[in-house]
């Protein structure tokens, strides 16, 4: 919700105001922190299973967020966010590439 107004402004005017850049930086930081926390859950689940000597019971059905049923949804969300980011930055990436490439 924080990014709706800056994104719409960028799509209409192809530029950003200074205060909008800080929202993009904030959203990127929050996104990075979320990915780090989600990846840490995998490590914590394995370490806790090893600590309690229950690693033999640790299987696809006993995992938390990282069940096989959830992985496709998580991958779809990540792919949509990545595609949206590429689409929003396509013009800048294309204009900064050397001529003839």
N, C-alpha and C. Protein backbone atom coordinates (compact mmCIF):
# COMPACT_ATOMS: atom_id res chain seq x y z
N UNK A 1 0.82 -1.20 0.00
CA UNK A 1 0.00 0.00 0.00
C UNK A 1 0.86 1.26 0.00
N UNK A 2 2.03 1.17 0.58
CA UNK A 2 2.93 2.32 0.64
C UNK A 2 3.42 2.70 -0.75
N UNK A 3 3.48 1.73 -1.65
CA UNK A 3 4.09 1.95 -2.96
C UNK A 3 3.09 2.31 -4.06
N UNK A 4 1.81 2.34 -3.77
CA UNK A 4 0.81 2.57 -4.82
C UNK A 4 0.96 3.97 -5.42
N UNK A 5 0.99 4.99 -4.60
CA UNK A 5 1.06 6.36 -5.12
C UNK A 5 2.35 6.63 -5.90
N UNK A 6 3.53 6.27 -5.38
CA UNK A 6 4.75 6.50 -6.17
C UNK A 6 4.78 5.71 -7.47
N UNK A 7 4.25 4.49 -7.46
CA UNK A 7 4.25 3.69 -8.68
C UNK A 7 3.34 4.30 -9.73
N UNK A 8 2.16 4.72 -9.33
CA UNK A 8 1.24 5.36 -10.28
C UNK A 8 1.82 6.67 -10.82
N UNK A 9 2.47 7.44 -9.95
CA UNK A 9 3.10 8.69 -10.38
C UNK A 9 4.20 8.40 -11.40
N UNK A 10 5.01 7.36 -11.12
CA UNK A 10 6.09 7.01 -12.04
C UNK A 10 5.53 6.55 -13.39
N UNK A 11 4.46 5.78 -13.37
CA UNK A 11 3.88 5.30 -14.62
C UNK A 11 3.30 6.45 -15.45
N UNK A 12 2.78 7.46 -14.79
CA UNK A 12 2.19 8.60 -15.52
C UNK A 12 3.24 9.60 -16.01
N UNK A 13 4.26 9.86 -15.19
CA UNK A 13 5.20 10.94 -15.48
C UNK A 13 6.61 10.49 -15.83
N UNK A 14 6.92 9.21 -15.68
CA UNK A 14 8.24 8.64 -15.97
C UNK A 14 9.35 9.31 -15.18
N UNK A 15 9.05 9.76 -13.99
CA UNK A 15 10.04 10.33 -13.08
C UNK A 15 9.54 10.17 -11.66
N UNK A 16 10.42 10.37 -10.71
CA UNK A 16 10.06 10.29 -9.30
C UNK A 16 10.43 11.57 -8.59
N UNK A 17 9.65 11.94 -7.62
CA UNK A 17 10.01 13.05 -6.73
C UNK A 17 10.99 12.48 -5.69
N UNK A 18 11.69 13.36 -5.02
CA UNK A 18 12.72 12.91 -4.09
C UNK A 18 12.13 12.05 -2.96
N UNK A 19 11.01 12.47 -2.38
CA UNK A 19 10.42 11.73 -1.27
C UNK A 19 9.95 10.35 -1.70
N UNK A 20 9.66 10.17 -2.98
CA UNK A 20 9.20 8.86 -3.46
C UNK A 20 10.34 7.85 -3.49
N UNK A 21 11.54 8.32 -3.75
CA UNK A 21 12.69 7.42 -3.76
C UNK A 21 12.85 6.75 -2.40
N UNK A 22 12.62 7.49 -1.34
CA UNK A 22 12.78 6.92 0.00
C UNK A 22 11.74 5.84 0.26
N UNK A 23 10.57 5.97 -0.32
CA UNK A 23 9.58 4.90 -0.19
C UNK A 23 10.04 3.64 -0.91
N UNK A 24 10.63 3.81 -2.10
CA UNK A 24 11.15 2.65 -2.82
C UNK A 24 12.28 2.00 -2.03
N UNK A 25 13.16 2.80 -1.45
CA UNK A 25 14.26 2.26 -0.65
C UNK A 25 13.72 1.53 0.58
N UNK A 26 12.71 2.10 1.22
CA UNK A 26 12.09 1.48 2.39
C UNK A 26 11.44 0.16 2.02
N UNK A 27 10.71 0.14 0.92
CA UNK A 27 10.04 -1.09 0.48
C UNK A 27 11.07 -2.16 0.11
N UNK A 28 12.17 -1.76 -0.51
CA UNK A 28 13.22 -2.71 -0.83
C UNK A 28 13.87 -3.29 0.42
N UNK A 29 14.08 -2.45 1.41
CA UNK A 29 14.66 -2.91 2.67
C UNK A 29 13.73 -3.88 3.38
N UNK A 30 12.45 -3.55 3.43
CA UNK A 30 11.48 -4.44 4.07
C UNK A 30 11.40 -5.76 3.31
N UNK A 31 11.42 -5.71 1.98
CA UNK A 31 11.40 -6.93 1.19
C UNK A 31 12.60 -7.81 1.44
N UNK A 32 13.77 -7.19 1.53
CA UNK A 32 15.00 -7.94 1.81
C UNK A 32 14.94 -8.58 3.20
N UNK A 33 14.45 -7.83 4.16
CA UNK A 33 14.31 -8.38 5.51
C UNK A 33 13.33 -9.55 5.54
N UNK A 34 12.26 -9.47 4.78
CA UNK A 34 11.28 -10.56 4.74
C UNK A 34 11.90 -11.82 4.14
N UNK A 35 12.68 -11.66 3.09
CA UNK A 35 13.32 -12.83 2.47
C UNK A 35 14.33 -13.45 3.43
N UNK A 36 15.08 -12.64 4.15
CA UNK A 36 16.04 -13.16 5.11
C UNK A 36 15.33 -13.93 6.21
N UNK A 37 14.22 -13.40 6.72
CA UNK A 37 13.47 -14.09 7.77
C UNK A 37 12.89 -15.40 7.25
N UNK A 38 12.34 -15.38 6.04
CA UNK A 38 11.79 -16.61 5.48
C UNK A 38 12.86 -17.67 5.27
N UNK A 39 14.02 -17.26 4.81
CA UNK A 39 15.11 -18.22 4.63
C UNK A 39 15.62 -18.73 5.98
N UNK A 40 15.62 -17.88 6.97
CA UNK A 40 16.06 -18.31 8.31
C UNK A 40 15.11 -19.34 8.90
N UNK A 41 13.84 -19.32 8.52
CA UNK A 41 12.91 -20.31 9.05
C UNK A 41 13.29 -21.72 8.61
N UNK A 42 13.81 -21.84 7.41
CA UNK A 42 14.25 -23.16 6.94
C UNK A 42 15.38 -23.68 7.81
N UNK A 43 16.35 -22.83 8.08
CA UNK A 43 17.49 -23.23 8.90
C UNK A 43 17.03 -23.56 10.32
N UNK A 44 16.17 -22.74 10.88
CA UNK A 44 15.69 -22.96 12.25
C UNK A 44 14.89 -24.26 12.35
N UNK A 45 14.07 -24.54 11.35
CA UNK A 45 13.31 -25.80 11.37
C UNK A 45 14.24 -27.01 11.37
N UNK A 46 15.27 -26.98 10.56
CA UNK A 46 16.22 -28.10 10.50
C UNK A 46 17.03 -28.20 11.78
N UNK A 47 17.50 -27.07 12.29
CA UNK A 47 18.31 -27.10 13.52
C UNK A 47 17.48 -27.58 14.69
N UNK A 48 16.23 -27.14 14.79
CA UNK A 48 15.40 -27.60 15.90
C UNK A 48 15.09 -29.09 15.79
N UNK A 49 14.87 -29.58 14.57
CA UNK A 49 14.64 -31.02 14.39
C UNK A 49 15.89 -31.81 14.78
N UNK A 50 17.07 -31.30 14.44
CA UNK A 50 18.31 -31.98 14.82
C UNK A 50 18.55 -31.91 16.33
N UNK A 51 18.22 -30.77 16.93
CA UNK A 51 18.45 -30.59 18.36
C UNK A 51 17.59 -31.54 19.19
N UNK A 52 16.34 -31.69 18.81
CA UNK A 52 15.44 -32.55 19.56
C UNK A 52 15.50 -34.01 19.09
N UNK A 53 16.48 -34.33 18.26
CA UNK A 53 16.68 -35.69 17.75
C UNK A 53 15.43 -36.24 17.07
N UNK A 54 14.73 -35.37 16.36
CA UNK A 54 13.53 -35.77 15.64
C UNK A 54 13.70 -35.56 14.14
N UNK A 55 14.91 -35.60 13.68
CA UNK A 55 15.14 -35.33 12.26
C UNK A 55 14.59 -36.43 11.38
N UNK A 56 14.48 -37.64 11.92
CA UNK A 56 13.90 -38.73 11.12
C UNK A 56 12.41 -38.51 10.90
N UNK A 57 11.75 -37.79 11.82
CA UNK A 57 10.32 -37.47 11.67
C UNK A 57 10.10 -36.20 10.85
N UNK A 58 11.15 -35.48 10.57
CA UNK A 58 11.05 -34.21 9.85
C UNK A 58 10.90 -34.50 8.37
N UNK A 59 9.70 -34.31 7.86
CA UNK A 59 9.44 -34.61 6.45
C UNK A 59 8.62 -33.51 5.81
N UNK A 60 8.22 -33.72 4.58
CA UNK A 60 7.47 -32.70 3.85
C UNK A 60 6.18 -32.29 4.53
N UNK A 61 5.53 -33.19 5.25
CA UNK A 61 4.24 -32.86 5.90
C UNK A 61 4.42 -32.17 7.24
N UNK A 62 5.59 -32.25 7.84
CA UNK A 62 5.79 -31.65 9.16
C UNK A 62 6.48 -30.29 9.10
N UNK A 63 6.82 -29.83 7.92
CA UNK A 63 7.47 -28.52 7.79
C UNK A 63 6.44 -27.42 8.04
N UNK A 64 6.93 -26.25 8.33
CA UNK A 64 6.05 -25.11 8.56
C UNK A 64 5.63 -24.46 7.24
N UNK A 65 6.16 -23.31 6.96
CA UNK A 65 5.82 -22.55 5.76
C UNK A 65 6.32 -23.23 4.50
N UNK A 66 7.39 -23.98 4.59
CA UNK A 66 8.06 -24.51 3.41
C UNK A 66 7.55 -25.88 2.98
N UNK A 67 6.28 -26.13 3.16
CA UNK A 67 5.68 -27.37 2.63
C UNK A 67 5.64 -27.29 1.12
N UNK A 68 5.61 -28.46 0.50
CA UNK A 68 5.60 -28.48 -0.96
C UNK A 68 4.36 -27.81 -1.53
N UNK A 69 3.25 -27.87 -0.81
CA UNK A 69 2.02 -27.23 -1.28
C UNK A 69 2.16 -25.71 -1.33
N UNK A 70 2.94 -25.16 -0.42
CA UNK A 70 3.10 -23.70 -0.34
C UNK A 70 4.17 -23.16 -1.27
N UNK A 71 5.11 -24.01 -1.67
CA UNK A 71 6.25 -23.53 -2.45
C UNK A 71 5.83 -22.96 -3.80
N UNK A 72 4.85 -23.55 -4.45
CA UNK A 72 4.41 -23.01 -5.73
C UNK A 72 3.80 -21.63 -5.57
N UNK A 73 3.00 -21.44 -4.52
CA UNK A 73 2.40 -20.12 -4.28
C UNK A 73 3.48 -19.09 -3.96
N UNK A 74 4.46 -19.47 -3.15
CA UNK A 74 5.55 -18.55 -2.82
C UNK A 74 6.37 -18.21 -4.06
N UNK A 75 6.62 -19.21 -4.90
CA UNK A 75 7.37 -18.97 -6.13
C UNK A 75 6.59 -18.07 -7.08
N UNK A 76 5.29 -18.26 -7.16
CA UNK A 76 4.46 -17.42 -8.02
C UNK A 76 4.47 -15.97 -7.55
N UNK A 77 4.35 -15.75 -6.25
CA UNK A 77 4.39 -14.38 -5.71
C UNK A 77 5.75 -13.75 -5.99
N UNK A 78 6.83 -14.49 -5.77
CA UNK A 78 8.17 -13.96 -6.04
C UNK A 78 8.36 -13.64 -7.52
N UNK A 79 7.86 -14.51 -8.39
CA UNK A 79 7.99 -14.26 -9.83
C UNK A 79 7.18 -13.04 -10.26
N UNK A 80 5.99 -12.87 -9.71
CA UNK A 80 5.17 -11.70 -10.05
C UNK A 80 5.83 -10.41 -9.57
N UNK A 81 6.38 -10.42 -8.36
CA UNK A 81 7.07 -9.24 -7.86
C UNK A 81 8.31 -8.93 -8.68
N UNK A 82 9.05 -9.97 -9.05
CA UNK A 82 10.24 -9.76 -9.88
C UNK A 82 9.88 -9.22 -11.25
N UNK A 83 8.83 -9.76 -11.86
CA UNK A 83 8.40 -9.27 -13.18
C UNK A 83 7.92 -7.83 -13.08
N UNK A 84 7.21 -7.50 -12.02
CA UNK A 84 6.78 -6.11 -11.82
C UNK A 84 7.96 -5.16 -11.66
N UNK A 85 8.96 -5.58 -10.92
CA UNK A 85 10.16 -4.77 -10.76
C UNK A 85 10.91 -4.57 -12.07
N UNK A 86 11.02 -5.63 -12.85
CA UNK A 86 11.67 -5.50 -14.16
C UNK A 86 10.87 -4.59 -15.09
N UNK A 87 9.57 -4.73 -15.06
CA UNK A 87 8.73 -3.88 -15.91
C UNK A 87 8.86 -2.41 -15.54
N UNK A 88 8.89 -2.12 -14.24
CA UNK A 88 9.01 -0.72 -13.80
C UNK A 88 10.39 -0.14 -14.11
N UNK A 89 11.41 -0.98 -14.17
CA UNK A 89 12.77 -0.48 -14.38
C UNK A 89 13.28 -0.72 -15.79
N UNK A 90 12.46 -1.21 -16.68
CA UNK A 90 12.90 -1.55 -18.03
C UNK A 90 13.44 -0.33 -18.77
N UNK A 91 12.73 0.79 -18.68
CA UNK A 91 13.14 2.00 -19.40
C UNK A 91 14.50 2.49 -18.92
N UNK A 92 14.72 2.48 -17.63
CA UNK A 92 16.01 2.93 -17.09
C UNK A 92 17.14 1.98 -17.48
N UNK A 93 16.89 0.68 -17.42
CA UNK A 93 17.93 -0.29 -17.80
C UNK A 93 18.23 -0.21 -19.28
N UNK A 94 17.23 -0.02 -20.10
CA UNK A 94 17.44 0.05 -21.53
C UNK A 94 18.19 1.31 -21.92
N UNK A 95 17.88 2.45 -21.28
CA UNK A 95 18.54 3.71 -21.63
C UNK A 95 19.98 3.76 -21.14
N UNK A 96 20.33 2.97 -20.12
CA UNK A 96 21.70 3.00 -19.60
C UNK A 96 22.61 1.98 -20.29
N UNK A 97 22.06 1.12 -21.13
CA UNK A 97 22.91 0.15 -21.80
C UNK A 97 23.65 0.80 -22.95
N UNK A 98 24.85 0.34 -23.26
CA UNK A 98 25.63 0.94 -24.35
C UNK A 98 24.93 0.75 -25.70
N UNK A 99 25.13 1.68 -26.63
CA UNK A 99 24.49 1.54 -27.94
C UNK A 99 24.97 0.29 -28.68
N UNK A 100 24.07 -0.32 -29.40
CA UNK A 100 24.40 -1.50 -30.18
C UNK A 100 24.29 -2.81 -29.42
N UNK A 101 23.84 -2.76 -28.14
CA UNK A 101 23.71 -4.01 -27.39
C UNK A 101 22.28 -4.32 -27.12
